């Protein structure tokens, strides 16, 4: 989540971003998509390491 925290800090502290509405929208979008991606990867890895991954299941 360091990248997401960095994006939040960038919006809060960067004058270049704060003064540019488009930069705020784009950075927010990147943050949301990154949070979504991190969530999906975390869930997939949790399933994989719990041996519940669909890839490891034998067909019926």
Protein backbone atom coordinates (compact mmCIF):
# COMPACT_ATOMS: atom_id res chain seq x y z
CA UNK A 1 0.00 0.00 0.00
CA UNK A 2 3.03 2.30 -0.04
CA UNK A 3 2.18 3.37 -3.58
CA UNK A 4 -1.39 4.28 -2.58
CA UNK A 5 -0.09 6.21 0.42
CA UNK A 6 2.34 8.03 -1.87
CA UNK A 7 -0.52 9.04 -4.19
CA UNK A 8 -2.53 10.34 -1.23
CA UNK A 9 0.50 12.32 -0.06
CA UNK A 10 1.06 13.64 -3.57
CA UNK A 11 -2.48 15.01 -3.73
CA UNK A 12 -2.24 16.50 -0.25
CA UNK A 13 1.21 18.07 -0.47
CA UNK A 14 2.09 18.74 -4.10
CA UNK A 15 1.28 22.28 -5.19
CA UNK A 16 1.52 21.16 -8.81
CA UNK A 17 -1.20 18.55 -8.25
CA UNK A 18 -3.35 20.63 -5.88
CA UNK A 19 -3.56 23.44 -8.45
CA UNK A 20 -4.50 21.16 -11.35
CA UNK A 21 -8.00 19.65 -11.34
CA UNK A 22 -7.11 17.15 -14.06
CA UNK A 23 -4.06 15.95 -12.11
CA UNK A 24 -6.27 15.38 -9.05
CA UNK A 25 -8.82 13.37 -11.05
CA UNK A 26 -6.15 11.28 -12.76
CA UNK A 27 -4.26 10.65 -9.52
CA UNK A 28 -7.50 9.66 -7.73
CA UNK A 29 -8.29 7.28 -10.57
CA UNK A 30 -4.84 5.69 -10.39
CA UNK A 31 -5.23 5.35 -6.61
CA UNK A 32 -8.64 3.67 -6.86
CA UNK A 33 -7.50 1.27 -9.58
CA UNK A 34 -4.36 0.46 -7.58
CA UNK A 35 -6.43 -0.31 -4.48
CA UNK A 36 -8.67 -2.57 -6.57
CA UNK A 37 -5.68 -4.37 -8.11
CA UNK A 38 -3.98 -4.80 -4.73
CA UNK A 39 -7.22 -6.25 -3.32
CA UNK A 40 -7.59 -8.74 -6.18
CA UNK A 41 -3.94 -9.85 -5.98
CA UNK A 42 -4.11 -10.15 -2.19
CA UNK A 43 -7.22 -12.33 -2.38
CA UNK A 44 -5.73 -14.50 -5.12
CA UNK A 45 -2.49 -15.00 -3.21
CA UNK A 46 -4.36 -15.73 0.01
CA UNK A 47 -6.38 -18.41 -1.82
CA UNK A 48 -3.25 -19.80 -3.46
CA UNK A 49 -1.33 -20.12 -0.20
CA UNK A 50 -4.35 -21.61 1.56
CA UNK A 51 -4.36 -24.28 -1.17
CA UNK A 52 -7.84 -23.20 -2.27
CA UNK A 53 -6.69 -21.88 -5.60
CA UNK A 54 -8.87 -23.01 -8.52
CA UNK A 55 -5.72 -23.81 -10.49
CA UNK A 56 -4.69 -26.49 -8.00
CA UNK A 57 -8.12 -28.19 -7.83
CA UNK A 58 -8.47 -31.46 -9.65
CA UNK A 59 -11.33 -31.66 -12.17
CA UNK A 60 -14.35 -33.66 -11.04
